[in-house]
Full PDB file with SEQRES, HELIX, SHEET, SSBOND, CRYST1, ORIGX, SCALE, CONECT and MASTER records, all heavy atoms in Angstrom:
SEQRES   1 A   41  ARG GLN GLN PRO PRO SER GLU ARG ARG ALA VAL ASP GLY          
SEQRES   2 A   41  TYR LEU LEU ALA PRO PHE PRO TRP TYR GLY LEU ASP GLU          
SEQRES   3 A   41  ALA PHE SER GLY PRO ARG TRP LEU MET GLN VAL GLY THR          
SEQRES   4 A   41  ALA ALA                                                      
HELIX    1 AA1 PRO A    5  GLU A    7  5                                   3    
HELIX    2 AA2 ASP A   12  LEU A   15  1                                   4    
CRYST1    1.000    1.000    1.000  90.00  90.00  90.00 P 1           1          
ORIGX1      1.000000  0.000000  0.000000        0.00000                         
ORIGX2      0.000000  1.000000  0.000000        0.00000                         
ORIGX3      0.000000  0.000000  1.000000        0.00000                         
SCALE1      1.000000  0.000000  0.000000        0.00000                         
SCALE2      0.000000  1.000000  0.000000        0.00000                         
SCALE3      0.000000  0.000000  1.000000        0.00000                         
ATOM      1  N   ARG A   1     118.564 102.666 100.692  1.00  0.00           N  
ATOM      2  CA  ARG A   1     118.764 103.297 101.981  1.00  0.00           C  
ATOM      3  C   ARG A   1     119.631 104.544 101.861  1.00  0.00           C  
ATOM      4  O   ARG A   1     119.535 105.461 102.643  1.00  0.00           O  
ATOM      5  CB  ARG A   1     119.403 102.304 102.953  1.00  0.00           C  
ATOM      6  CG  ARG A   1     118.478 101.193 103.388  1.00  0.00           C  
ATOM      7  CD  ARG A   1     119.033 100.519 104.618  1.00  0.00           C  
ATOM      8  NE  ARG A   1     120.258  99.791 104.353  1.00  0.00           N  
ATOM      9  CZ  ARG A   1     120.308  98.521 104.008  1.00  0.00           C  
ATOM     10  NH1 ARG A   1     119.193  97.842 103.848  1.00  0.00           N  
ATOM     11  NH2 ARG A   1     121.466  97.913 103.811  1.00  0.00           N  
ATOM     12  N   GLN A   2     120.492 104.570 100.848  1.00  0.00           N  
ATOM     13  CA  GLN A   2     121.416 105.683 100.712  1.00  0.00           C  
ATOM     14  C   GLN A   2     120.827 106.835  99.900  1.00  0.00           C  
ATOM     15  O   GLN A   2     121.377 107.918  99.888  1.00  0.00           O  
ATOM     16  CB  GLN A   2     122.700 105.197 100.024  1.00  0.00           C  
ATOM     17  CG  GLN A   2     123.446 104.160 100.842  1.00  0.00           C  
ATOM     18  CD  GLN A   2     124.508 103.458 100.043  1.00  0.00           C  
ATOM     19  OE1 GLN A   2     124.747 103.795  98.886  1.00  0.00           O  
ATOM     20  NE2 GLN A   2     125.143 102.470 100.632  1.00  0.00           N  
ATOM     21  N   GLN A   3     119.716 106.593  99.223  1.00  0.00           N  
ATOM     22  CA  GLN A   3     119.170 107.607  98.323  1.00  0.00           C  
ATOM     23  C   GLN A   3     117.769 108.005  98.761  1.00  0.00           C  
ATOM     24  O   GLN A   3     116.820 107.277  98.536  1.00  0.00           O  
ATOM     25  CB  GLN A   3     119.111 107.054  96.900  1.00  0.00           C  
ATOM     26  CG  GLN A   3     118.531 108.038  95.895  1.00  0.00           C  
ATOM     27  CD  GLN A   3     118.569 107.465  94.504  1.00  0.00           C  
ATOM     28  OE1 GLN A   3     119.354 106.610  94.180  1.00  0.00           O  
ATOM     29  NE2 GLN A   3     117.685 107.946  93.672  1.00  0.00           N  
ATOM     30  N   PRO A   4     117.596 109.136  99.447  1.00  0.00           N  
ATOM     31  CA  PRO A   4     116.280 109.574  99.886  1.00  0.00           C  
ATOM     32  C   PRO A   4     115.419 109.990  98.704  1.00  0.00           C  
ATOM     33  O   PRO A   4     115.920 110.264  97.616  1.00  0.00           O  
ATOM     34  CB  PRO A   4     116.593 110.770 100.789  1.00  0.00           C  
ATOM     35  CG  PRO A   4     117.892 111.285 100.290  1.00  0.00           C  
ATOM     36  CD  PRO A   4     118.654 110.081  99.825  1.00  0.00           C  
ATOM     37  N   PRO A   5     114.084 110.084  98.915  1.00  0.00           N  
ATOM     38  CA  PRO A   5     113.187 110.441  97.817  1.00  0.00           C  
ATOM     39  C   PRO A   5     113.532 111.764  97.162  1.00  0.00           C  
ATOM     40  O   PRO A   5     113.303 111.951  95.970  1.00  0.00           O  
ATOM     41  CB  PRO A   5     111.815 110.491  98.508  1.00  0.00           C  
ATOM     42  CG  PRO A   5     111.955 109.603  99.693  1.00  0.00           C  
ATOM     43  CD  PRO A   5     113.377 109.762 100.151  1.00  0.00           C  
ATOM     44  N   SER A   6     114.053 112.720  97.926  1.00  0.00           N  
ATOM     45  CA  SER A   6     114.357 114.026  97.361  1.00  0.00           C  
ATOM     46  C   SER A   6     115.441 113.960  96.301  1.00  0.00           C  
ATOM     47  O   SER A   6     115.637 114.894  95.536  1.00  0.00           O  
ATOM     48  CB  SER A   6     114.781 114.986  98.479  1.00  0.00           C  
ATOM     49  OG  SER A   6     115.918 114.491  99.147  1.00  0.00           O  
ATOM     50  N   GLU A   7     116.165 112.835  96.235  1.00  0.00           N  
ATOM     51  CA  GLU A   7     117.214 112.674  95.248  1.00  0.00           C  
ATOM     52  C   GLU A   7     116.876 111.529  94.284  1.00  0.00           C  
ATOM     53  O   GLU A   7     117.740 110.888  93.719  1.00  0.00           O  
ATOM     54  CB  GLU A   7     118.549 112.383  95.949  1.00  0.00           C  
ATOM     55  CG  GLU A   7     118.990 113.500  96.871  1.00  0.00           C  
ATOM     56  CD  GLU A   7     120.222 113.124  97.669  1.00  0.00           C  
ATOM     57  OE1 GLU A   7     120.827 112.073  97.358  1.00  0.00           O  
ATOM     58  OE2 GLU A   7     120.581 113.859  98.583  1.00  0.00           O  
ATOM     59  N   ARG A   8     115.596 111.280  94.120  1.00  0.00           N  
ATOM     60  CA  ARG A   8     115.168 110.151  93.310  1.00  0.00           C  
ATOM     61  C   ARG A   8     115.610 110.313  91.857  1.00  0.00           C  
ATOM     62  O   ARG A   8     115.795 111.407  91.347  1.00  0.00           O  
ATOM     63  CB  ARG A   8     113.653 109.992  93.382  1.00  0.00           C  
ATOM     64  CG  ARG A   8     112.864 111.220  92.936  1.00  0.00           C  
ATOM     65  CD  ARG A   8     111.381 111.001  93.213  1.00  0.00           C  
ATOM     66  NE  ARG A   8     110.584 112.137  92.805  1.00  0.00           N  
ATOM     67  CZ  ARG A   8     110.324 113.155  93.603  1.00  0.00           C  
ATOM     68  NH1 ARG A   8     110.803 113.182  94.818  1.00  0.00           N  
ATOM     69  NH2 ARG A   8     109.580 114.152  93.185  1.00  0.00           N  
ATOM     70  N   ARG A   9     115.742 109.186  91.198  1.00  0.00           N  
ATOM     71  CA  ARG A   9     116.211 109.189  89.822  1.00  0.00           C  
ATOM     72  C   ARG A   9     115.142 109.732  88.876  1.00  0.00           C  
ATOM     73  O   ARG A   9     113.958 109.752  89.178  1.00  0.00           O  
ATOM     74  CB  ARG A   9     116.586 107.765  89.412  1.00  0.00           C  
ATOM     75  CG  ARG A   9     117.729 107.190  90.236  1.00  0.00           C  
ATOM     76  CD  ARG A   9     118.031 105.773  89.804  1.00  0.00           C  
ATOM     77  NE  ARG A   9     119.088 105.208  90.635  1.00  0.00           N  
ATOM     78  CZ  ARG A   9     119.545 103.986  90.515  1.00  0.00           C  
ATOM     79  NH1 ARG A   9     119.031 103.172  89.613  1.00  0.00           N  
ATOM     80  NH2 ARG A   9     120.504 103.533  91.296  1.00  0.00           N  
ATOM     81  N   ALA A  10     115.577 110.142  87.707  1.00  0.00           N  
ATOM     82  CA  ALA A  10     114.660 110.649  86.692  1.00  0.00           C  
ATOM     83  C   ALA A  10     113.816 109.508  86.138  1.00  0.00           C  
ATOM     84  O   ALA A  10     114.066 108.335  86.404  1.00  0.00           O  
ATOM     85  CB  ALA A  10     115.453 111.328  85.576  1.00  0.00           C  
ATOM     86  N   VAL A  11     112.841 109.869  85.363  1.00  0.00           N  
ATOM     87  CA  VAL A  11     111.902 108.882  84.831  1.00  0.00           C  
ATOM     88  C   VAL A  11     112.547 107.954  83.803  1.00  0.00           C  
ATOM     89  O   VAL A  11     112.001 106.905  83.473  1.00  0.00           O  
ATOM     90  CB  VAL A  11     110.680 109.612  84.218  1.00  0.00           C  
ATOM     91  CG1 VAL A  11     111.080 110.312  82.918  1.00  0.00           C  
ATOM     92  CG2 VAL A  11     109.518 108.658  83.985  1.00  0.00           C  
ATOM     93  N   ASP A  12     113.739 108.306  83.322  1.00  0.00           N  
ATOM     94  CA  ASP A  12     114.366 107.535  82.255  1.00  0.00           C  
ATOM     95  C   ASP A  12     114.472 106.050  82.568  1.00  0.00           C  
ATOM     96  O   ASP A  12     114.211 105.198  81.715  1.00  0.00           O  
ATOM     97  CB  ASP A  12     115.766 108.087  81.960  1.00  0.00           C  
ATOM     98  CG  ASP A  12     115.736 109.533  81.493  1.00  0.00           C  
ATOM     99  OD1 ASP A  12     114.852 110.273  81.962  1.00  0.00           O  
ATOM    100  OD2 ASP A  12     116.578 109.920  80.675  1.00  0.00           O  
ATOM    101  N   GLY A  13     114.882 105.713  83.786  1.00  0.00           N  
ATOM    102  CA  GLY A  13     115.025 104.304  84.147  1.00  0.00           C  
ATOM    103  C   GLY A  13     113.704 103.561  84.072  1.00  0.00           C  
ATOM    104  O   GLY A  13     113.653 102.406  83.639  1.00  0.00           O  
ATOM    105  N   TYR A  14     112.624 104.226  84.448  1.00  0.00           N  
ATOM    106  CA  TYR A  14     111.303 103.597  84.392  1.00  0.00           C  
ATOM    107  C   TYR A  14     110.889 103.339  82.946  1.00  0.00           C  
ATOM    108  O   TYR A  14     110.240 102.335  82.640  1.00  0.00           O  
ATOM    109  CB  TYR A  14     110.268 104.494  85.077  1.00  0.00           C  
ATOM    110  CG  TYR A  14     110.451 104.603  86.571  1.00  0.00           C  
ATOM    111  CD1 TYR A  14     111.369 105.491  87.121  1.00  0.00           C  
ATOM    112  CD2 TYR A  14     109.706 103.818  87.445  1.00  0.00           C  
ATOM    113  CE1 TYR A  14     111.536 105.598  88.490  1.00  0.00           C  
ATOM    114  CE2 TYR A  14     109.862 103.922  88.823  1.00  0.00           C  
ATOM    115  CZ  TYR A  14     110.789 104.812  89.334  1.00  0.00           C  
ATOM    116  OH  TYR A  14     110.961 104.908  90.690  1.00  0.00           O  
ATOM    117  N   LEU A  15     111.265 104.246  82.055  1.00  0.00           N  
ATOM    118  CA  LEU A  15     110.899 104.095  80.647  1.00  0.00           C  
ATOM    119  C   LEU A  15     111.611 102.915  79.989  1.00  0.00           C  
ATOM    120  O   LEU A  15     111.158 102.410  78.954  1.00  0.00           O  
ATOM    121  CB  LEU A  15     111.218 105.388  79.889  1.00  0.00           C  
ATOM    122  CG  LEU A  15     110.402 106.621  80.299  1.00  0.00           C  
ATOM    123  CD1 LEU A  15     110.953 107.864  79.609  1.00  0.00           C  
ATOM    124  CD2 LEU A  15     108.936 106.423  79.961  1.00  0.00           C  
ATOM    125  N   LEU A  16     112.709 102.470  80.572  1.00  0.00           N  
ATOM    126  CA  LEU A  16     113.470 101.354  80.005  1.00  0.00           C  
ATOM    127  C   LEU A  16     112.911  99.993  80.405  1.00  0.00           C  
ATOM    128  O   LEU A  16     113.332  98.972  79.868  1.00  0.00           O  
ATOM    129  CB  LEU A  16     114.937 101.440  80.457  1.00  0.00           C  
ATOM    130  CG  LEU A  16     115.737 102.643  79.952  1.00  0.00           C  
ATOM    131  CD1 LEU A  16     117.120 102.647  80.588  1.00  0.00           C  
ATOM    132  CD2 LEU A  16     115.844 102.618  78.439  1.00  0.00           C  
ATOM    133  N   ALA A  17     111.984  99.969  81.328  1.00  0.00           N  
ATOM    134  CA  ALA A  17     111.455  98.693  81.826  1.00  0.00           C  
ATOM    135  C   ALA A  17     110.643  97.978  80.754  1.00  0.00           C  
ATOM    136  O   ALA A  17     109.809  98.594  80.089  1.00  0.00           O  
ATOM    137  CB  ALA A  17     110.593  98.928  83.051  1.00  0.00           C  
ATOM    138  N   PRO A  18     110.840  96.668  80.586  1.00  0.00           N  
ATOM    139  CA  PRO A  18     110.074  95.890  79.612  1.00  0.00           C  
ATOM    140  C   PRO A  18     108.763  95.352  80.182  1.00  0.00           C  
ATOM    141  O   PRO A  18     108.225  94.373  79.685  1.00  0.00           O  
ATOM    142  CB  PRO A  18     111.040  94.748  79.280  1.00  0.00           C  
ATOM    143  CG  PRO A  18     111.767  94.511  80.550  1.00  0.00           C  
ATOM    144  CD  PRO A  18     111.932  95.880  81.192  1.00  0.00           C  
ATOM    145  N   PHE A  19     108.260  95.985  81.229  1.00  0.00           N  
ATOM    146  CA  PHE A  19     107.028  95.536  81.880  1.00  0.00           C  
ATOM    147  C   PHE A  19     106.233  96.760  82.317  1.00  0.00           C  
ATOM    148  O   PHE A  19     106.786  97.861  82.424  1.00  0.00           O  
ATOM    149  CB  PHE A  19     107.347  94.641  83.087  1.00  0.00           C  
ATOM    150  CG  PHE A  19     108.276  95.271  84.090  1.00  0.00           C  
ATOM    151  CD1 PHE A  19     107.802  96.111  85.102  1.00  0.00           C  
ATOM    152  CD2 PHE A  19     109.644  95.037  84.023  1.00  0.00           C  
ATOM    153  CE1 PHE A  19     108.655  96.700  86.013  1.00  0.00           C  
ATOM    154  CE2 PHE A  19     110.512  95.617  84.935  1.00  0.00           C  
ATOM    155  CZ  PHE A  19     110.022  96.450  85.935  1.00  0.00           C  
ATOM    156  N   PRO A  20     104.944  96.615  82.600  1.00  0.00           N  
ATOM    157  CA  PRO A  20     104.128  97.763  83.014  1.00  0.00           C  
ATOM    158  C   PRO A  20     104.362  98.122  84.475  1.00  0.00           C  
ATOM    159  O   PRO A  20     104.659  97.256  85.304  1.00  0.00           O  
ATOM    160  CB  PRO A  20     102.695  97.272  82.786  1.00  0.00           C  
ATOM    161  CG  PRO A  20     102.780  95.790  82.978  1.00  0.00           C  
ATOM    162  CD  PRO A  20     104.122  95.396  82.412  1.00  0.00           C  
ATOM    163  N   TRP A  21     104.206  99.400  84.783  1.00  0.00           N  
ATOM    164  CA  TRP A  21     104.323  99.866  86.160  1.00  0.00           C  
ATOM    165  C   TRP A  21     102.950  99.985  86.800  1.00  0.00           C  
ATOM    166  O   TRP A  21     101.957 100.278  86.128  1.00  0.00           O  
ATOM    167  CB  TRP A  21     105.013 101.225  86.205  1.00  0.00           C  
ATOM    168  CG  TRP A  21     106.436 101.178  85.770  1.00  0.00           C  
ATOM    169  CD1 TRP A  21     106.951 101.584  84.580  1.00  0.00           C  
ATOM    170  CD2 TRP A  21     107.545 100.666  86.527  1.00  0.00           C  
ATOM    171  NE1 TRP A  21     108.307 101.365  84.545  1.00  0.00           N  
ATOM    172  CE2 TRP A  21     108.698 100.801  85.717  1.00  0.00           C  
ATOM    173  CE3 TRP A  21     107.675 100.106  87.801  1.00  0.00           C  
ATOM    174  CZ2 TRP A  21     109.955 100.399  86.159  1.00  0.00           C  
ATOM    175  CZ3 TRP A  21     108.932  99.713  88.228  1.00  0.00           C  
ATOM    176  CH2 TRP A  21     110.059  99.868  87.414  1.00  0.00           C  
ATOM    177  N   TYR A  22     102.915  99.774  88.104  1.00  0.00           N  
ATOM    178  CA  TYR A  22     101.662  99.878  88.845  1.00  0.00           C  
ATOM    179  C   TYR A  22     101.784 100.920  89.956  1.00  0.00           C  
ATOM    180  O   TYR A  22     102.870 101.165  90.499  1.00  0.00           O  
ATOM    181  CB  TYR A  22     101.286  98.530  89.468  1.00  0.00           C  
ATOM    182  CG  TYR A  22     100.470  97.668  88.534  1.00  0.00           C  
ATOM    183  CD1 TYR A  22     101.070  97.001  87.481  1.00  0.00           C  
ATOM    184  CD2 TYR A  22      99.091  97.558  88.683  1.00  0.00           C  
ATOM    185  CE1 TYR A  22     100.330  96.222  86.601  1.00  0.00           C  
ATOM    186  CE2 TYR A  22      98.340  96.783  87.817  1.00  0.00           C  
ATOM    187  CZ  TYR A  22      98.955  96.122  86.781  1.00  0.00           C  
ATOM    188  OH  TYR A  22      98.211  95.363  85.909  1.00  0.00           O  
ATOM    189  N   GLY A  23     100.641 101.522  90.274  1.00  0.00           N  
ATOM    190  CA  GLY A  23     100.542 102.447  91.385  1.00  0.00           C  
ATOM    191  C   GLY A  23      99.168 102.308  92.018  1.00  0.00           C  
ATOM    192  O   GLY A  23      98.388 101.420  91.642  1.00  0.00           O  
ATOM    193  N   LEU A  24      98.842 103.168  92.961  1.00  0.00           N  
ATOM    194  CA  LEU A  24      97.494 103.176  93.503  1.00  0.00           C  
ATOM    195  C   LEU A  24      96.521 103.629  92.420  1.00  0.00           C  
ATOM    196  O   LEU A  24      96.877 104.407  91.536  1.00  0.00           O  
ATOM    197  CB  LEU A  24      97.406 104.108  94.705  1.00  0.00           C  
ATOM    198  CG  LEU A  24      98.261 103.734  95.927  1.00  0.00           C  
ATOM    199  CD1 LEU A  24      97.955 104.689  97.079  1.00  0.00           C  
ATOM    200  CD2 LEU A  24      98.025 102.285  96.351  1.00  0.00           C  
ATOM    201  N   ASP A  25      95.299 103.132  92.487  1.00  0.00           N  
ATOM    202  CA  ASP A  25      94.326 103.485  91.446  1.00  0.00           C  
ATOM    203  C   ASP A  25      93.842 104.921  91.623  1.00  0.00           C  
ATOM    204  O   ASP A  25      94.263 105.644  92.535  1.00  0.00           O  
ATOM    205  CB  ASP A  25      93.173 102.478  91.419  1.00  0.00           C  
ATOM    206  CG  ASP A  25      92.382 102.435  92.717  1.00  0.00           C  
ATOM    207  OD1 ASP A  25      92.434 103.419  93.491  1.00  0.00           O  
ATOM    208  OD2 ASP A  25      91.713 101.414  92.974  1.00  0.00           O  
ATOM    209  N   GLU A  26      92.947 105.334  90.742  1.00  0.00           N  
ATOM    210  CA  GLU A  26      92.541 106.746  90.697  1.00  0.00           C  
ATOM    211  C   GLU A  26      91.728 107.181  91.909  1.00  0.00           C  
ATOM    212  O   GLU A  26      91.478 108.371  92.095  1.00  0.00           O  
ATOM    213  CB  GLU A  26      91.745 107.011  89.424  1.00  0.00           C  
ATOM    214  CG  GLU A  26      90.497 106.171  89.279  1.00  0.00           C  
ATOM    215  CD  GLU A  26      89.836 106.377  87.921  1.00  0.00           C  
ATOM    216  OE1 GLU A  26      90.486 106.911  87.007  1.00  0.00           O  
ATOM    217  OE2 GLU A  26      88.656 105.992  87.797  1.00  0.00           O  
ATOM    218  N   ALA A  27      91.349 106.239  92.769  1.00  0.00           N  
ATOM    219  CA  ALA A  27      90.663 106.630  94.004  1.00  0.00           C  
ATOM    220  C   ALA A  27      91.592 107.428  94.914  1.00  0.00           C  
ATOM    221  O   ALA A  27      91.130 108.204  95.755  1.00  0.00           O  
ATOM    222  CB  ALA A  27      90.149 105.392  94.736  1.00  0.00           C  
ATOM    223  N   PHE A  28      92.894 107.251  94.734  1.00  0.00           N  
ATOM    224  CA  PHE A  28      93.863 108.042  95.493  1.00  0.00           C  
ATOM    225  C   PHE A  28      94.130 109.334  94.743  1.00  0.00           C  
ATOM    226  O   PHE A  28      94.570 109.324  93.594  1.00  0.00           O  
ATOM    227  CB  PHE A  28      95.174 107.266  95.680  1.00  0.00           C  
ATOM    228  CG  PHE A  28      96.250 108.067  96.351  1.00  0.00           C  
ATOM    229  CD1 PHE A  28      96.230 108.252  97.722  1.00  0.00           C  
ATOM    230  CD2 PHE A  28      97.255 108.669  95.604  1.00  0.00           C  
ATOM    231  CE1 PHE A  28      97.209 109.021  98.358  1.00  0.00           C  
ATOM    232  CE2 PHE A  28      98.241 109.426  96.227  1.00  0.00           C  
ATOM    233  CZ  PHE A  28      98.214 109.598  97.595  1.00  0.00           C  
ATOM    234  N   SER A  29      93.882 110.456  95.385  1.00  0.00           N  
ATOM    235  CA  SER A  29      93.997 111.761  94.710  1.00  0.00           C  
ATOM    236  C   SER A  29      95.174 112.594  95.189  1.00  0.00           C  
ATOM    237  O   SER A  29      95.330 113.745  94.788  1.00  0.00           O  
ATOM    238  CB  SER A  29      92.704 112.556  94.907  1.00  0.00           C  
ATOM    239  OG  SER A  29      92.437 112.753  96.294  1.00  0.00           O  
ATOM    240  N   GLY A  30      96.019 112.013  96.050  1.00  0.00           N  
ATOM    241  CA  GLY A  30      97.136 112.768  96.594  1.00  0.00           C  
ATOM    242  C   GLY A  30      98.361 112.766  95.696  1.00  0.00           C  
ATOM    243  O   GLY A  30      98.333 112.295  94.554  1.00  0.00           O  
ATOM    244  N   PRO A  31      99.481 113.285  96.210  1.00  0.00           N  
ATOM    245  CA  PRO A  31     100.721 113.357  95.434  1.00  0.00           C  
ATOM    246  C   PRO A  31     101.253 111.968  95.084  1.00  0.00           C  
ATOM    247  O   PRO A  31     101.091 111.014  95.843  1.00  0.00           O  
ATOM    248  CB  PRO A  31     101.687 114.094  96.375  1.00  0.00           C  
ATOM    249  CG  PRO A  31     100.822 114.753  97.397  1.00  0.00           C  
ATOM    250  CD  PRO A  31      99.620 113.889  97.548  1.00  0.00           C  
ATOM    251  N   ARG A  32     101.911 111.892  93.929  1.00  0.00           N  
ATOM    252  CA  ARG A  32     102.589 110.665  93.488  1.00  0.00           C  
ATOM    253  C   ARG A  32     104.004 111.056  93.082  1.00  0.00           C  
ATOM    254  O   ARG A  32     104.202 112.097  92.478  1.00  0.00           O  
ATOM    255  CB  ARG A  32     101.851 110.026  92.303  1.00  0.00           C  
ATOM    256  CG  ARG A  32     100.401 109.630  92.611  1.00  0.00           C  
ATOM    257  CD  ARG A  32      99.651 109.223  91.352  1.00  0.00           C  
ATOM    258  NE  ARG A  32      98.254 108.942  91.631  1.00  0.00           N  
ATOM    259  CZ  ARG A  32      97.701 107.733  91.601  1.00  0.00           C  
ATOM    260  NH1 ARG A  32      98.446 106.683  91.260  1.00  0.00           N  
ATOM    261  NH2 ARG A  32      96.426 107.557  91.878  1.00  0.00           N  
ATOM    262  N   TRP A  33     104.985 110.183  93.364  1.00  0.00           N  
ATOM    263  CA  TRP A  33     106.369 110.532  93.074  1.00  0.00           C  
ATOM    264  C   TRP A  33     107.198 109.276  92.794  1.00  0.00           C  
ATOM    265  O   TRP A  33     106.990 108.216  93.347  1.00  0.00           O  
ATOM    266  CB  TRP A  33     106.988 111.321  94.222  1.00  0.00           C  
ATOM    267  CG  TRP A  33     106.431 111.017  95.578  1.00  0.00           C  
ATOM    268  CD1 TRP A  33     105.319 111.562  96.141  1.00  0.00           C  
ATOM    269  CD2 TRP A  33     106.941 110.077  96.538  1.00  0.00           C  
ATOM    270  NE1 TRP A  33     105.096 111.033  97.390  1.00  0.00           N  
ATOM    271  CE2 TRP A  33     106.077 110.125  97.658  1.00  0.00           C  
ATOM    272  CE3 TRP A  33     108.038 109.224  96.566  1.00  0.00           C  
ATOM    273  CZ2 TRP A  33     106.278 109.341  98.791  1.00  0.00           C  
ATOM    274  CZ3 TRP A  33     108.239 108.441  97.692  1.00  0.00           C  
ATOM    275  CH2 TRP A  33     107.369 108.508  98.784  1.00  0.00           C  
ATOM    276  N   LEU A  34     108.129 109.445  91.858  1.00  0.00           N  
ATOM    277  CA  LEU A  34     109.036 108.358  91.516  1.00  0.00           C  
ATOM    278  C   LEU A  34     110.095 108.205  92.590  1.00  0.00           C  
ATOM    279  O   LEU A  34     110.527 109.180  93.198  1.00  0.00           O  
ATOM    280  CB  LEU A  34     109.720 108.632  90.176  1.00  0.00           C  
ATOM    281  CG  LEU A  34     108.815 108.769  88.949  1.00  0.00           C  
ATOM    282  CD1 LEU A  34     109.664 109.050  87.719  1.00  0.00           C  
ATOM    283  CD2 LEU A  34     107.990 107.492  88.747  1.00  0.00           C  
ATOM    284  N   MET A  35     110.549 106.973  92.788  1.00  0.00           N  
ATOM    285  CA  MET A  35     111.626 106.711  93.742  1.00  0.00           C  
ATOM    286  C   MET A  35     112.872 106.238  92.991  1.00  0.00           C  
ATOM    287  O   MET A  35     113.703 107.018  92.593  1.00  0.00           O  
ATOM    288  CB  MET A  35     111.161 105.722  94.799  1.00  0.00           C  
ATOM    289  CG  MET A  35     110.010 106.278  95.636  1.00  0.00           C  
ATOM    290  SD  MET A  35     109.393 105.177  96.917  1.00  0.00           S  
ATOM    291  CE  MET A  35     110.751 105.205  98.088  1.00  0.00           C  
ATOM    292  N   GLN A  36     112.982 104.936  92.726  1.00  0.00           N  
ATOM    293  CA  GLN A  36     114.131 104.449  91.987  1.00  0.00           C  
ATOM    294  C   GLN A  36     113.812 103.101  91.374  1.00  0.00           C  
ATOM    295  O   GLN A  36     112.855 102.425  91.757  1.00  0.00           O  
ATOM    296  CB  GLN A  36     115.351 104.308  92.883  1.00  0.00           C  
ATOM    297  CG  GLN A  36     115.223 103.233  93.955  1.00  0.00           C  
ATOM    298  CD  GLN A  36     116.511 103.060  94.732  1.00  0.00           C  
ATOM    299  OE1 GLN A  36     117.283 103.988  94.881  1.00  0.00           O  
ATOM    300  NE2 GLN A  36     116.735 101.864  95.229  1.00  0.00           N  
ATOM    301  N   VAL A  37     114.626 102.706  90.394  1.00  0.00           N  
ATOM    302  CA  VAL A  37     114.501 101.386  89.789  1.00  0.00           C  
ATOM    303  C   VAL A  37     115.675 100.528  90.228  1.00  0.00           C  
ATOM    304  O   VAL A  37     116.734 101.033  90.607  1.00  0.00           O  
ATOM    305  CB  VAL A  37     114.457 101.461  88.241  1.00  0.00           C  
ATOM    306  CG1 VAL A  37     113.263 102.275  87.781  1.00  0.00           C  
ATOM    307  CG2 VAL A  37     115.758 102.040  87.688  1.00  0.00           C  
ATOM    308  N   GLY A  38     115.486  99.214  90.181  1.00  0.00           N  
ATOM    309  CA  GLY A  38     116.553  98.259  90.461  1.00  0.00           C  
ATOM    310  C   GLY A  38     116.857  97.492  89.195  1.00  0.00           C  
ATOM    311  O   GLY A  38     115.955  97.132  88.428  1.00  0.00           O  
ATOM    312  N   THR A  39     118.126  97.243  88.943  1.00  0.00           N  
ATOM    313  CA  THR A  39     118.538  96.580  87.712  1.00  0.00           C  
ATOM    314  C   THR A  39     119.329  95.316  87.998  1.00  0.00           C  
ATOM    315  O   THR A  39     119.942  95.165  89.064  1.00  0.00           O  
ATOM    316  CB  THR A  39     119.399  97.514  86.840  1.00  0.00           C  
ATOM    317  OG1 THR A  39     120.568  97.894  87.577  1.00  0.00           O  
ATOM    318  CG2 THR A  39     118.623  98.762  86.464  1.00  0.00           C  
ATOM    319  N   ALA A  40     119.326  94.404  87.027  1.00  0.00           N  
ATOM    320  CA  ALA A  40     120.155  93.208  87.080  1.00  0.00           C  
ATOM    321  C   ALA A  40     121.580  93.583  86.692  1.00  0.00           C  
ATOM    322  O   ALA A  40     121.861  94.719  86.295  1.00  0.00           O  
ATOM    323  CB  ALA A  40     119.601  92.150  86.131  1.00  0.00           C  
ATOM    324  N   ALA A  41     122.481  92.614  86.779  1.00  0.00           N  
ATOM    325  CA  ALA A  41     123.892  92.876  86.482  1.00  0.00           C  
ATOM    326  C   ALA A  41     124.092  93.354  85.047  1.00  0.00           C  
ATOM    327  O   ALA A  41     125.034  94.087  84.754  1.00  0.00           O  
ATOM    328  CB  ALA A  41     124.713  91.620  86.737  1.00  0.00           C  
TER     329      ALA A  41                                                      
MASTER        0    0    0    2    0    0    0    6  328    1    0    4          
END                                                                             
């Protein structure tokens, strides 16, 4: 809630994930953008 999309984190956090990421399939042709990752303690 405190971090709007315009201040989204860099891709680095996503690259650290030990699981695959999902998005809309290629039928969607519009813009795509990273938001943020959530981490455990």
